[in-house]
Amino acid sequence: MVKIAVAGAKGHMGKMIIDAVWNTEGAELVAALAHKGTDKWEADEDAGAALGYNTGVKITDDYSVLRISGAQVLIDFTRPEGTKEFLKICSDAGIGMVIGTTGLDAKGKAAIEEAARVIPIVFSPNMSAGVNVTYKLLELAAKLLKDYDAEIFEMHHNRKVDAPSGTAIAMGKAIADARGQNFEEVAVWARQGHTGPRVHGSIGFAALRGGDVVGDHQVTFAGSGERIVISHLSSSRAGYAQGAVKAALWEADKKPGLYSMSDVLGL
């Protein structure tokens, strides 16, 4: 059994991950962590209470529990400030991490790389198997359609705090890498006013927010007289949660290092 701790236990994604851990053979939930000072829960509330079952693990915002829980892996889909704190705790305690946090700045990503020197970390903006297969399809399309314009559209629920999504950015990087481009030089984050003609080789982004959309991503390769569209549409967070647990099981016996979902899935 791989002993797993879950951060953000009171959030939508945290609950989905707890459910996935509970229902995955070979996985054992040993800690459920709430956000300090922001989340509210009942005294002695069980991590599975909102899901209708009793896990025997109580929700807490005392992160020192990580050190005594016996956790081998922490699954973290929280916010950048929380992830930075967990990186230090897990590095000191020798606990691996699966990180799905988005919106990390350069310092946050550098902190992940630093921690990966002493613990194994699977870091991906999207843990879905389908999304990671989509990355591979985009790499192939980008190589074969080098002269086609690439545009990335994404839409998420109205509570999402960063834009474009981490998944959309990863899609753009996959295209740029496949074409031998510097992503930061070719990315176009927004268009407004008199922009002039489209710059050849650029990669455009459009981000929509509204309702309860879990996550839609669509990449269009537009050529002369035709368009090729590659899409991934999420109707549930279950795929993300299941992928994260799969990553935790895979990572449990790995050496320190920074891994991706492509490593986990063998892509």
Protein backbone atom coordinates (compact mmCIF):
# COMPACT_ATOMS: atom_id res chain seq x y z
CA MET A 1 0.00 0.00 0.00
CA VAL A 2 1.24 3.47 -0.88
CA LYS A 3 0.49 5.94 1.91
CA ILE A 4 -0.89 9.17 0.44
CA ALA A 5 -1.62 12.60 1.95
CA VAL A 6 -3.94 15.06 0.20
CA ALA A 7 -3.64 18.86 0.41
CA GLY A 8 -6.65 21.14 -0.06
CA ALA A 9 -8.96 18.50 1.38
CA LYS A 10 -11.96 20.87 1.61
CA GLY A 11 -11.73 22.05 -2.00
CA HIS A 12 -13.55 20.61 -5.01
CA MET A 13 -10.39 19.00 -6.37
CA GLY A 14 -9.26 17.82 -2.95
CA LYS A 15 -12.51 15.93 -2.44
CA MET A 16 -12.18 14.31 -5.84
CA ILE A 17 -8.63 13.20 -5.04
CA ILE A 18 -9.66 11.81 -1.66
CA ASP A 19 -12.40 9.85 -3.41
CA ALA A 20 -9.90 8.53 -5.97
CA VAL A 21 -7.41 7.51 -3.27
CA TRP A 22 -10.14 5.76 -1.28
CA ASN A 23 -11.31 3.82 -4.32
CA THR A 24 -7.92 2.90 -5.80
CA GLU A 25 -6.40 -0.47 -4.99
CA GLY A 26 -2.94 -0.12 -3.50
CA ALA A 27 -3.54 3.43 -2.21
CA GLU A 28 -4.08 4.38 1.44
CA LEU A 29 -5.20 7.81 2.67
CA VAL A 30 -3.15 8.82 5.73
CA ALA A 31 -3.60 12.62 5.94
CA ALA A 32 -6.05 15.26 4.70
CA LEU A 33 -4.85 18.87 4.94
CA ALA A 34 -6.99 22.01 4.82
CA HIS A 35 -5.83 25.52 3.94
CA LYS A 36 -4.64 27.38 7.03
CA GLY A 37 -6.98 30.15 8.11
CA THR A 38 -9.34 29.90 5.12
CA ASP A 39 -11.09 26.53 5.07
CA LYS A 40 -13.78 25.69 7.62
CA TRP A 41 -14.72 22.25 8.84
CA GLU A 42 -16.39 20.61 11.80
CA ALA A 43 -14.33 19.38 14.73
CA ASP A 44 -13.12 15.83 14.07
CA GLU A 45 -14.61 15.95 10.56
CA ASP A 46 -13.65 12.86 8.58
CA ALA A 47 -11.95 13.40 5.19
CA GLY A 48 -14.69 11.35 3.53
CA ALA A 49 -17.67 12.98 5.27
CA ALA A 50 -18.67 15.06 2.24
CA LEU A 51 -18.43 11.93 0.10
CA GLY A 52 -20.64 9.83 2.33
CA TYR A 53 -18.12 7.51 3.93
CA ASN A 54 -15.73 7.23 6.86
CA THR A 55 -12.00 7.06 6.04
CA GLY A 56 -10.79 7.27 9.62
CA VAL A 57 -8.62 10.27 8.63
CA LYS A 58 -9.50 13.63 10.19
CA ILE A 59 -9.16 16.92 8.32
CA THR A 60 -6.57 19.25 9.83
CA ASP A 61 -4.63 22.41 9.02
CA ASP A 62 -1.72 21.27 11.18
CA TYR A 63 0.85 20.48 8.51
CA SER A 64 3.13 18.79 11.06
CA VAL A 65 0.78 15.81 10.67
CA LEU A 66 2.61 15.09 7.42
CA ARG A 67 5.74 14.16 9.33
CA ILE A 68 3.99 11.67 11.61
CA SER A 69 1.42 10.24 9.20
CA GLY A 70 3.87 7.96 7.45
CA ALA A 71 2.91 9.54 4.11
CA GLN A 72 5.10 8.53 1.19
CA VAL A 73 3.53 11.00 -1.26
CA LEU A 74 1.62 14.27 -0.90
CA ILE A 75 -0.83 15.16 -3.68
CA ASP A 76 -1.03 18.94 -3.95
CA PHE A 77 -3.54 20.77 -6.17
CA THR A 78 -3.63 23.95 -4.09
CA ARG A 79 -2.29 27.44 -4.82
CA PRO A 80 1.28 28.61 -5.41
CA GLU A 81 1.78 29.89 -1.86
CA GLY A 82 0.59 26.58 -0.40
CA THR A 83 2.74 24.54 -2.77
CA LYS A 84 5.86 26.49 -1.77
CA GLU A 85 5.22 25.69 1.89
CA PHE A 86 4.59 22.01 1.18
CA LEU A 87 7.78 21.77 -0.86
CA LYS A 88 9.87 22.72 2.17
CA ILE A 89 8.02 20.37 4.53
CA CYS A 90 8.17 17.42 2.14
CA SER A 91 11.82 18.03 1.27
CA ASP A 92 12.76 18.04 4.95
CA ALA A 93 10.65 14.94 5.69
CA GLY A 94 11.60 12.95 2.58
CA ILE A 95 8.02 12.81 1.27
CA GLY A 96 7.49 12.71 -2.50
CA MET A 97 5.01 15.06 -4.16
CA VAL A 98 2.52 15.03 -7.00
CA ILE A 99 1.89 18.67 -7.93
CA GLY A 100 -1.00 19.84 -10.08
CA THR A 101 -0.94 23.47 -8.90
CA THR A 102 -1.17 26.05 -11.69
CA GLY A 103 -0.25 29.73 -11.76
CA LEU A 104 3.26 29.18 -10.41
CA ASP A 105 5.73 31.95 -11.19
CA ALA A 106 9.39 31.45 -12.11
CA LYS A 107 10.41 31.34 -8.43
CA GLY A 108 7.76 28.72 -7.69
CA LYS A 109 8.92 26.52 -10.54
CA ALA A 110 12.53 26.98 -9.47
CA ALA A 111 11.54 25.85 -5.95
CA ILE A 112 10.06 22.67 -7.43
CA GLU A 113 13.26 21.99 -9.36
CA GLU A 114 15.31 22.56 -6.21
CA ALA A 115 13.15 20.21 -4.12
CA ALA A 116 13.33 17.55 -6.84
CA ARG A 117 17.02 17.19 -6.03
CA VAL A 118 16.10 15.51 -2.75
CA ILE A 119 12.60 14.04 -3.33
CA PRO A 120 10.74 12.62 -6.33
CA ILE A 121 8.19 15.05 -7.77
CA VAL A 122 5.64 14.53 -10.53
CA PHE A 123 4.72 18.00 -11.74
CA SER A 124 2.13 18.58 -14.44
CA PRO A 125 -0.43 21.32 -15.10
CA ASN A 126 -2.84 18.53 -16.00
CA MET A 127 -2.82 14.96 -14.67
CA SER A 128 -5.44 13.66 -17.11
CA ALA A 129 -4.31 10.74 -19.30
CA GLY A 130 -6.36 12.18 -22.15
CA VAL A 131 -4.72 15.60 -21.94
CA ASN A 132 -1.24 14.12 -21.90
CA VAL A 133 -2.03 12.04 -24.98
CA THR A 134 -3.33 15.28 -26.55
CA TYR A 135 0.09 16.88 -25.94
CA LYS A 136 1.66 14.10 -28.03
CA LEU A 137 -0.88 14.60 -30.81
CA LEU A 138 -0.09 18.31 -30.83
CA GLU A 139 3.64 17.64 -31.08
CA LEU A 140 3.05 15.43 -34.11
CA ALA A 141 0.67 17.93 -35.75
CA ALA A 142 3.05 20.82 -35.12
CA LYS A 143 5.91 19.00 -36.83
CA LEU A 144 3.81 18.00 -39.84
CA LEU A 145 2.02 21.35 -40.14
CA LYS A 146 4.91 23.76 -39.63
CA ASP A 147 3.47 26.45 -41.90
CA TYR A 148 -0.01 26.38 -40.34
CA ASP A 149 -1.08 29.04 -37.86
CA ALA A 150 -1.59 27.64 -34.34
CA GLU A 151 -4.27 29.13 -32.07
CA ILE A 152 -5.20 27.85 -28.59
CA PHE A 153 -8.62 28.36 -27.02
CA GLU A 154 -9.54 27.39 -23.46
CA MET A 155 -12.57 27.85 -21.21
CA HIS A 156 -12.94 27.20 -17.48
CA HIS A 157 -15.37 27.88 -14.64
CA ASN A 158 -15.82 31.34 -13.18
CA ARG A 159 -13.80 30.52 -10.03
CA LYS A 160 -10.50 29.86 -11.80
CA VAL A 161 -7.94 32.49 -10.78
CA ASP A 162 -5.24 32.17 -13.46
CA ALA A 163 -5.29 32.59 -17.23
CA PRO A 164 -4.45 31.12 -19.64
CA SER A 165 -4.74 27.75 -17.97
CA GLY A 166 -1.61 25.76 -17.20
CA THR A 167 -2.84 23.14 -19.65
CA ALA A 168 -3.19 25.70 -22.45
CA ILE A 169 0.32 26.98 -21.78
CA ALA A 170 1.68 23.42 -21.81
CA MET A 171 -0.04 22.88 -25.17
CA GLY A 172 1.63 26.00 -26.53
CA LYS A 173 5.02 24.85 -25.27
CA ALA A 174 4.50 21.43 -26.87
CA ILE A 175 3.87 23.10 -30.23
CA ALA A 176 6.79 25.51 -29.90
CA ASP A 177 9.22 22.78 -28.83
CA ALA A 178 8.15 20.57 -31.72
CA ARG A 179 8.85 23.44 -34.12
CA GLY A 180 12.17 24.38 -32.52
CA GLN A 181 10.85 27.75 -31.33
CA ASN A 182 11.38 29.74 -28.14
CA PHE A 183 7.91 29.65 -26.60
CA GLU A 184 8.19 32.99 -24.80
CA GLU A 185 9.11 34.70 -28.06
CA VAL A 186 6.20 33.34 -30.11
CA ALA A 187 3.35 33.33 -27.56
CA VAL A 188 0.66 35.98 -28.10
CA TRP A 189 -1.40 36.26 -24.92
CA ALA A 190 -4.07 38.73 -26.03
CA ARG A 191 -5.22 40.83 -28.98
CA GLN A 192 -6.95 44.18 -28.85
CA GLY A 193 -7.24 47.18 -31.12
CA HIS A 194 -5.24 47.58 -34.31
CA THR A 195 -2.84 44.64 -34.00
CA GLY A 196 -1.68 44.45 -37.61
CA PRO A 197 -1.47 41.16 -39.50
CA ARG A 198 -0.79 37.96 -37.63
CA VAL A 199 2.93 37.28 -37.13
CA HIS A 200 3.89 34.07 -38.91
CA GLY A 201 4.93 31.35 -36.47
CA SER A 202 3.24 32.94 -33.48
CA ILE A 203 0.99 30.93 -31.14
CA GLY A 204 -2.17 32.74 -30.05
CA PHE A 205 -4.17 32.25 -26.86
CA ALA A 206 -7.79 32.98 -25.96
CA ALA A 207 -9.18 32.40 -22.45
CA LEU A 208 -12.86 32.34 -21.48
CA ARG A 209 -14.31 32.10 -17.95
CA GLY A 210 -17.89 31.31 -17.02
CA GLY A 211 -20.34 28.97 -15.34
CA ASP A 212 -19.15 25.60 -14.12
CA VAL A 213 -17.04 24.52 -17.10
CA VAL A 214 -14.49 21.99 -15.82
CA GLY A 215 -12.04 22.57 -18.65
CA ASP A 216 -12.24 22.78 -22.44
CA HIS A 217 -9.14 23.09 -24.63
CA GLN A 218 -9.05 23.39 -28.40
CA VAL A 219 -6.08 23.89 -30.68
CA THR A 220 -6.63 24.97 -34.28
CA PHE A 221 -3.98 24.59 -36.97
CA ALA A 222 -5.19 26.91 -39.73
CA GLY A 223 -3.81 26.61 -43.24
CA SER A 224 -4.87 27.69 -46.69
CA GLY A 225 -8.39 26.42 -47.26
CA GLU A 226 -8.49 24.08 -44.25
CA ARG A 227 -8.27 23.82 -40.48
CA ILE A 228 -7.26 20.91 -38.27
CA VAL A 229 -8.75 21.05 -34.79
CA ILE A 230 -7.53 18.97 -31.83
CA SER A 231 -9.73 19.19 -28.74
CA HIS A 232 -9.91 17.86 -25.20
CA LEU A 233 -13.14 18.45 -23.28
CA SER A 234 -13.50 17.64 -19.59
CA SER A 235 -16.95 16.99 -18.13
CA SER A 236 -15.58 15.95 -14.72
CA ARG A 237 -12.50 16.43 -12.53
CA ALA A 238 -12.45 12.67 -11.97
CA GLY A 239 -9.88 12.15 -14.72
CA TYR A 240 -7.49 14.64 -13.09
CA ALA A 241 -7.90 13.01 -9.68
CA GLN A 242 -7.42 9.48 -11.01
CA GLY A 243 -4.32 10.58 -12.90
CA ALA A 244 -2.87 12.16 -9.75
CA VAL A 245 -3.36 8.97 -7.76
CA LYS A 246 -1.83 6.93 -10.59
CA ALA A 247 1.17 9.29 -10.45
CA ALA A 248 1.45 8.85 -6.67
CA LEU A 249 1.51 5.05 -6.96
CA TRP A 250 4.08 5.23 -9.77
CA GLU A 251 6.29 7.67 -7.88
CA ALA A 252 6.41 5.83 -4.55
CA ASP A 253 9.58 3.86 -5.36
CA LYS A 254 11.30 6.42 -7.57
CA LYS A 255 14.55 8.23 -6.87
CA PRO A 256 14.64 12.02 -6.39
CA GLY A 257 13.99 13.86 -9.63
CA LEU A 258 11.46 15.91 -11.56
CA TYR A 259 9.00 13.78 -13.53
CA SER A 260 6.01 14.46 -15.77
CA MET A 261 2.79 12.62 -16.54
CA SER A 262 4.43 11.49 -19.77
CA ASP A 263 6.89 9.57 -17.58
CA VAL A 264 4.03 8.12 -15.53
CA LEU A 265 2.09 7.05 -18.64
CA GLY A 266 5.13 5.89 -20.59
CA LEU A 267 4.44 8.26 -23.49
